[in-house]
Amino acid sequence: MEKLIEVRWHGRGGQGAKTGAQILAEVFFDRGYHIQAFPEYGAERSGAPMKAFNRLSKEEILLHCQVENPDIVVVVDPTLLTAVNVTEGLKDEGIILVNTPHTPAEVKKKLGLKTQKVYTLDATKIALEEMKVNFPNTPMLGALAKIIGEIPLEAFEEHFKSKFEGKLPPDKVEANVRAMRRGYEEVQGE
């Protein structure tokens, strides 16, 4: 990583976007990076649109404000593609990762993107198959590990295990790790 990477997450309350941003930051912190992770809420209720943010850098981070021009946008809930402007401020060379069964080409066309790279992953399907609950943030983390490429997926898996051992039953921890690995393996990009 040669520069600061800024990430903006779009989700709905209860889908794990805030937790996803926190875990992403913690994994990078464990590897010696400077990090920031913080949410922004509107109405604080389950299902309400919300945002979370990350900054990741090998250098000290001196910014302490909202992420206005993200390098990466993560859309955890595909209904937000038409509900809010998820591409607002996205850099011309930016990346958008969307939880959807649609192809990257379909999403790129729908959003009218020209220069940005689009990745898609059916994270909801993976979460339901592996974890039996709709927490798409876990497979999205696996996809982000692949897209960013700075830290191996195994570091994400080990961090998740250590963070949630004792908080979740072992079979739930393993289900999350499987979902994360599938996110890494199944993400598609254009």
C-alpha atoms as a PDB file:
ATOM      1  CA  MET A   1       0.000   0.000   0.000  1.00  0.00           C
ATOM      2  CA  GLU A   2       1.642   3.175  -1.167  1.00  0.00           C
ATOM      3  CA  LYS A   3      -1.001   5.628  -0.004  1.00  0.00           C
ATOM      4  CA  LEU A   4      -3.952   6.188   2.233  1.00  0.00           C
ATOM      5  CA  ILE A   5      -6.948   4.040   1.309  1.00  0.00           C
ATOM      6  CA  GLU A   6     -10.360   5.413   2.230  1.00  0.00           C
ATOM      7  CA  VAL A   7     -13.379   3.111   2.340  1.00  0.00           C
ATOM      8  CA  ARG A   8     -17.053   4.011   2.677  1.00  0.00           C
ATOM      9  CA  TRP A   9     -19.549   1.295   3.613  1.00  0.00           C
ATOM     10  CA  HIS A  10     -23.273   1.591   2.841  1.00  0.00           C
ATOM     11  CA  GLY A  11     -25.657  -0.708   4.666  1.00  0.00           C
ATOM     12  CA  ARG A  12     -28.733  -0.822   6.804  1.00  0.00           C
ATOM     13  CA  GLY A  13     -28.726  -0.989  10.574  1.00  0.00           C
ATOM     14  CA  GLY A  14     -28.300  -4.593  11.682  1.00  0.00           C
ATOM     15  CA  GLN A  15     -26.499  -5.882   8.568  1.00  0.00           C
ATOM     16  CA  GLY A  16     -23.030  -5.572  10.052  1.00  0.00           C
ATOM     17  CA  ALA A  17     -21.513  -2.711   8.023  1.00  0.00           C
ATOM     18  CA  LYS A  18     -20.190  -1.079  11.201  1.00  0.00           C
ATOM     19  CA  THR A  19     -18.755  -4.402  12.392  1.00  0.00           C
ATOM     20  CA  GLY A  20     -17.252  -5.059   8.954  1.00  0.00           C
ATOM     21  CA  ALA A  21     -15.514  -1.681   9.003  1.00  0.00           C
ATOM     22  CA  GLN A  22     -14.253  -2.348  12.523  1.00  0.00           C
ATOM     23  CA  ILE A  23     -12.861  -5.785  11.652  1.00  0.00           C
ATOM     24  CA  LEU A  24     -11.205  -4.450   8.481  1.00  0.00           C
ATOM     25  CA  ALA A  25      -9.469  -1.786  10.572  1.00  0.00           C
ATOM     26  CA  GLU A  26      -8.435  -4.233  13.303  1.00  0.00           C
ATOM     27  CA  VAL A  27      -6.857  -6.648  10.808  1.00  0.00           C
ATOM     28  CA  PHE A  28      -4.816  -3.823   9.274  1.00  0.00           C
ATOM     29  CA  PHE A  29      -3.895  -2.507  12.739  1.00  0.00           C
ATOM     30  CA  ASP A  30      -2.646  -5.979  13.718  1.00  0.00           C
ATOM     31  CA  ARG A  31      -0.288  -5.769  10.721  1.00  0.00           C
ATOM     32  CA  GLY A  32       1.172  -2.414  11.752  1.00  0.00           C
ATOM     33  CA  TYR A  33      -0.997  -0.037   9.736  1.00  0.00           C
ATOM     34  CA  HIS A  34      -2.486   3.194  10.944  1.00  0.00           C
ATOM     35  CA  ILE A  35      -6.261   2.897  10.865  1.00  0.00           C
ATOM     36  CA  GLN A  36      -9.562   4.619  11.453  1.00  0.00           C
ATOM     37  CA  ALA A  37     -13.027   3.057  11.609  1.00  0.00           C
ATOM     38  CA  PHE A  38     -16.164   4.976  12.472  1.00  0.00           C
ATOM     39  CA  PRO A  39     -19.893   4.877  11.692  1.00  0.00           C
ATOM     40  CA  GLU A  40     -22.399   7.539  10.741  1.00  0.00           C
ATOM     41  CA  TYR A  41     -25.996   6.957  11.679  1.00  0.00           C
ATOM     42  CA  GLY A  42     -29.237   8.609  10.733  1.00  0.00           C
ATOM     43  CA  ALA A  43     -32.224   7.188  12.536  1.00  0.00           C
ATOM     44  CA  GLU A  44     -30.751   4.663  14.936  1.00  0.00           C
ATOM     45  CA  ARG A  45     -32.962   1.703  14.184  1.00  0.00           C
ATOM     46  CA  SER A  46     -32.652  -1.650  12.541  1.00  0.00           C
ATOM     47  CA  GLY A  47     -33.079  -1.373   8.777  1.00  0.00           C
ATOM     48  CA  ALA A  48     -32.291   2.343   8.523  1.00  0.00           C
ATOM     49  CA  PRO A  49     -29.606   3.364   5.993  1.00  0.00           C
ATOM     50  CA  MET A  50     -26.240   3.963   7.594  1.00  0.00           C
ATOM     51  CA  LYS A  51     -22.624   4.474   6.610  1.00  0.00           C
ATOM     52  CA  ALA A  52     -19.342   3.377   8.101  1.00  0.00           C
ATOM     53  CA  PHE A  53     -15.872   4.511   7.126  1.00  0.00           C
ATOM     54  CA  ASN A  54     -12.270   3.294   7.120  1.00  0.00           C
ATOM     55  CA  ARG A  55      -8.913   4.865   6.561  1.00  0.00           C
ATOM     56  CA  LEU A  56      -5.934   2.526   6.166  1.00  0.00           C
ATOM     57  CA  SER A  57      -2.342   3.683   5.750  1.00  0.00           C
ATOM     58  CA  LYS A  58       1.266   2.791   6.475  1.00  0.00           C
ATOM     59  CA  GLU A  59       1.744   6.458   7.407  1.00  0.00           C
ATOM     60  CA  GLU A  60       0.152   8.378  10.249  1.00  0.00           C
ATOM     61  CA  ILE A  61      -3.398   9.500   9.407  1.00  0.00           C
ATOM     62  CA  LEU A  62      -3.924  13.181  10.124  1.00  0.00           C
ATOM     63  CA  LEU A  63      -7.465  13.458   8.735  1.00  0.00           C
ATOM     64  CA  HIS A  64     -10.298  13.398  11.252  1.00  0.00           C
ATOM     65  CA  CYS A  65     -13.399  13.934   9.130  1.00  0.00           C
ATOM     66  CA  GLN A  66     -15.914  12.001   7.114  1.00  0.00           C
ATOM     67  CA  VAL A  67     -14.643  10.181   4.023  1.00  0.00           C
ATOM     68  CA  GLU A  68     -15.755  12.390   1.118  1.00  0.00           C
ATOM     69  CA  ASN A  69     -13.843  10.849  -1.807  1.00  0.00           C
ATOM     70  CA  PRO A  70     -13.480   7.135  -1.131  1.00  0.00           C
ATOM     71  CA  ASP A  71     -11.132   4.843  -2.983  1.00  0.00           C
ATOM     72  CA  ILE A  72     -13.503   1.951  -2.274  1.00  0.00           C
ATOM     73  CA  VAL A  73     -17.263   1.888  -1.716  1.00  0.00           C
ATOM     74  CA  VAL A  74     -18.814  -1.229  -0.178  1.00  0.00           C
ATOM     75  CA  VAL A  75     -22.567  -1.642  -0.651  1.00  0.00           C
ATOM     76  CA  VAL A  76     -23.808  -4.259   1.807  1.00  0.00           C
ATOM     77  CA  ASP A  77     -27.486  -3.798   0.906  1.00  0.00           C
ATOM     78  CA  PRO A  78     -28.249  -3.679  -2.838  1.00  0.00           C
ATOM     79  CA  THR A  79     -31.542  -1.813  -2.257  1.00  0.00           C
ATOM     80  CA  LEU A  80     -29.389   1.199  -1.399  1.00  0.00           C
ATOM     81  CA  LEU A  81     -28.230   1.422  -5.037  1.00  0.00           C
ATOM     82  CA  THR A  82     -31.472   3.252  -5.810  1.00  0.00           C
ATOM     83  CA  ALA A  83     -32.175   4.698  -2.344  1.00  0.00           C
ATOM     84  CA  VAL A  84     -28.972   6.736  -1.867  1.00  0.00           C
ATOM     85  CA  ASN A  85     -26.157   7.984  -4.091  1.00  0.00           C
ATOM     86  CA  VAL A  86     -23.604   5.290  -3.243  1.00  0.00           C
ATOM     87  CA  THR A  87     -21.132   6.544  -5.856  1.00  0.00           C
ATOM     88  CA  GLU A  88     -21.064  10.120  -4.529  1.00  0.00           C
ATOM     89  CA  GLY A  89     -17.460  11.296  -4.421  1.00  0.00           C
ATOM     90  CA  LEU A  90     -16.055   7.943  -5.619  1.00  0.00           C
ATOM     91  CA  LYS A  91     -12.706   8.600  -7.264  1.00  0.00           C
ATOM     92  CA  ASP A  92     -12.409   8.121 -11.026  1.00  0.00           C
ATOM     93  CA  GLU A  93     -10.045   5.218 -10.417  1.00  0.00           C
ATOM     94  CA  GLY A  94     -12.137   4.001  -7.468  1.00  0.00           C
ATOM     95  CA  ILE A  95     -13.662   0.625  -6.750  1.00  0.00           C
ATOM     96  CA  ILE A  96     -17.205  -0.310  -5.824  1.00  0.00           C
ATOM     97  CA  LEU A  97     -18.072  -3.678  -4.275  1.00  0.00           C
ATOM     98  CA  VAL A  98     -21.773  -4.545  -4.295  1.00  0.00           C
ATOM     99  CA  ASN A  99     -23.653  -7.361  -2.600  1.00  0.00           C
ATOM    100  CA  THR A 100     -25.773  -8.542  -5.520  1.00  0.00           C
ATOM    101  CA  PRO A 101     -26.363 -11.577  -7.727  1.00  0.00           C
ATOM    102  CA  HIS A 102     -25.924  -9.295 -10.766  1.00  0.00           C
ATOM    103  CA  THR A 103     -22.708  -9.179 -12.791  1.00  0.00           C
ATOM    104  CA  PRO A 104     -20.197  -6.342 -12.512  1.00  0.00           C
ATOM    105  CA  ALA A 105     -21.135  -5.233 -16.050  1.00  0.00           C
ATOM    106  CA  GLU A 106     -24.814  -4.985 -15.089  1.00  0.00           C
ATOM    107  CA  VAL A 107     -24.031  -2.930 -11.981  1.00  0.00           C
ATOM    108  CA  LYS A 108     -21.596  -0.696 -13.876  1.00  0.00           C
ATOM    109  CA  LYS A 109     -24.268   0.058 -16.475  1.00  0.00           C
ATOM    110  CA  LYS A 110     -26.991   0.610 -13.867  1.00  0.00           C
ATOM    111  CA  LEU A 111     -24.818   3.090 -11.958  1.00  0.00           C
ATOM    112  CA  GLY A 112     -23.528   4.784 -15.130  1.00  0.00           C
ATOM    113  CA  LEU A 113     -19.899   4.269 -14.151  1.00  0.00           C
ATOM    114  CA  LYS A 114     -17.191   4.847 -16.746  1.00  0.00           C
ATOM    115  CA  THR A 115     -13.732   4.519 -15.203  1.00  0.00           C
ATOM    116  CA  GLN A 116     -14.360   2.858 -11.837  1.00  0.00           C
ATOM    117  CA  LYS A 117     -13.808  -0.843 -11.269  1.00  0.00           C
ATOM    118  CA  VAL A 118     -16.903  -2.789 -10.195  1.00  0.00           C
ATOM    119  CA  TYR A 119     -16.918  -5.984  -8.131  1.00  0.00           C
ATOM    120  CA  THR A 120     -19.980  -8.023  -7.230  1.00  0.00           C
ATOM    121  CA  LEU A 121     -20.647 -10.823  -4.802  1.00  0.00           C
ATOM    122  CA  ASP A 122     -23.893 -12.521  -3.781  1.00  0.00           C
ATOM    123  CA  ALA A 123     -22.979 -12.103  -0.124  1.00  0.00           C
ATOM    124  CA  THR A 124     -26.573 -12.552   1.037  1.00  0.00           C
ATOM    125  CA  LYS A 125     -26.750 -15.995  -0.593  1.00  0.00           C
ATOM    126  CA  ILE A 126     -23.399 -16.990   0.932  1.00  0.00           C
ATOM    127  CA  ALA A 127     -24.417 -15.755   4.400  1.00  0.00           C
ATOM    128  CA  LEU A 128     -27.706 -17.660   4.287  1.00  0.00           C
ATOM    129  CA  GLU A 129     -26.055 -20.843   3.015  1.00  0.00           C
ATOM    130  CA  GLU A 130     -23.121 -20.831   5.425  1.00  0.00           C
ATOM    131  CA  MET A 131     -24.368 -18.982   8.520  1.00  0.00           C
ATOM    132  CA  LYS A 132     -28.142 -19.440   8.147  1.00  0.00           C
ATOM    133  CA  VAL A 133     -28.601 -15.700   8.874  1.00  0.00           C
ATOM    134  CA  ASN A 134     -28.472 -12.612   6.674  1.00  0.00           C
ATOM    135  CA  PHE A 135     -25.193 -11.031   7.787  1.00  0.00           C
ATOM    136  CA  PRO A 136     -23.579 -10.270   4.408  1.00  0.00           C
ATOM    137  CA  ASN A 137     -20.735  -8.306   5.998  1.00  0.00           C
ATOM    138  CA  THR A 138     -18.667 -11.455   6.572  1.00  0.00           C
ATOM    139  CA  PRO A 139     -18.472 -12.567   2.921  1.00  0.00           C
ATOM    140  CA  MET A 140     -17.967  -8.913   1.949  1.00  0.00           C
ATOM    141  CA  LEU A 141     -14.867  -8.836   4.188  1.00  0.00           C
ATOM    142  CA  GLY A 142     -13.479 -11.819   2.308  1.00  0.00           C
ATOM    143  CA  ALA A 143     -14.086 -10.024  -0.994  1.00  0.00           C
ATOM    144  CA  LEU A 144     -12.386  -6.878   0.352  1.00  0.00           C
ATOM    145  CA  ALA A 145      -9.363  -8.924   1.420  1.00  0.00           C
ATOM    146  CA  LYS A 146      -8.978 -10.059  -2.183  1.00  0.00           C
ATOM    147  CA  ILE A 147      -9.664  -6.625  -3.719  1.00  0.00           C
ATOM    148  CA  ILE A 148      -7.270  -4.714  -1.458  1.00  0.00           C
ATOM    149  CA  GLY A 149      -4.688  -7.481  -1.616  1.00  0.00           C
ATOM    150  CA  GLU A 150      -2.439  -6.138   1.136  1.00  0.00           C
ATOM    151  CA  ILE A 151      -3.115  -8.738   3.802  1.00  0.00           C
ATOM    152  CA  PRO A 152      -3.747 -12.460   3.236  1.00  0.00           C
ATOM    153  CA  LEU A 153      -7.218 -13.852   3.835  1.00  0.00           C
ATOM    154  CA  GLU A 154      -5.803 -16.088   6.561  1.00  0.00           C
ATOM    155  CA  ALA A 155      -5.098 -12.997   8.691  1.00  0.00           C
ATOM    156  CA  PHE A 156      -8.767 -12.005   8.416  1.00  0.00           C
ATOM    157  CA  GLU A 157      -9.857 -15.531   9.329  1.00  0.00           C
ATOM    158  CA  GLU A 158      -7.532 -15.736  12.335  1.00  0.00           C
ATOM    159  CA  HIS A 159      -8.579 -12.303  13.555  1.00  0.00           C
ATOM    160  CA  PHE A 160     -12.249 -13.230  13.273  1.00  0.00           C
ATOM    161  CA  LYS A 161     -11.667 -16.456  15.205  1.00  0.00           C
ATOM    162  CA  SER A 162      -9.780 -14.731  18.007  1.00  0.00           C
ATOM    163  CA  LYS A 163     -12.319 -11.882  18.218  1.00  0.00           C
ATOM    164  CA  PHE A 164     -15.398 -14.093  18.391  1.00  0.00           C
ATOM    165  CA  GLU A 165     -14.149 -17.196  20.226  1.00  0.00           C
ATOM    166  CA  GLY A 166     -16.139 -17.356  23.439  1.00  0.00           C
ATOM    167  CA  LYS A 167     -18.705 -14.879  22.099  1.00  0.00           C
ATOM    168  CA  LEU A 168     -20.150 -17.205  19.452  1.00  0.00           C
ATOM    169  CA  PRO A 169     -20.449 -20.995  19.474  1.00  0.00           C
ATOM    170  CA  PRO A 170     -17.578 -22.710  17.615  1.00  0.00           C
ATOM    171  CA  ASP A 171     -19.855 -23.848  14.766  1.00  0.00           C
ATOM    172  CA  LYS A 172     -20.977 -20.220  14.199  1.00  0.00           C
ATOM    173  CA  VAL A 173     -17.368 -19.006  14.149  1.00  0.00           C
ATOM    174  CA  GLU A 174     -16.481 -21.670  11.574  1.00  0.00           C
ATOM    175  CA  ALA A 175     -19.565 -20.807   9.500  1.00  0.00           C
ATOM    176  CA  ASN A 176     -18.439 -17.153   9.403  1.00  0.00           C
ATOM    177  CA  VAL A 177     -14.930 -18.180   8.366  1.00  0.00           C
ATOM    178  CA  ARG A 178     -16.358 -20.332   5.563  1.00  0.00           C
ATOM    179  CA  ALA A 179     -18.518 -17.393   4.439  1.00  0.00           C
ATOM    180  CA  MET A 180     -15.485 -15.104   4.436  1.00  0.00           C
ATOM    181  CA  ARG A 181     -13.479 -17.588   2.367  1.00  0.00           C
ATOM    182  CA  ARG A 182     -16.316 -17.951  -0.128  1.00  0.00           C
ATOM    183  CA  GLY A 183     -16.488 -14.171  -0.427  1.00  0.00           C
ATOM    184  CA  TYR A 184     -12.791 -14.161  -1.273  1.00  0.00           C
ATOM    185  CA  GLU A 185     -13.179 -16.954  -3.801  1.00  0.00           C
ATOM    186  CA  GLU A 186     -16.471 -15.918  -5.430  1.00  0.00           C
ATOM    187  CA  VAL A 187     -16.116 -12.143  -5.875  1.00  0.00           C
ATOM    188  CA  GLN A 188     -16.211 -11.089  -9.534  1.00  0.00           C
ATOM    189  CA  GLY A 189     -14.644  -7.953 -10.984  1.00  0.00           C
ATOM    190  CA  GLU A 190     -14.750  -5.912 -14.173  1.00  0.00           C
END
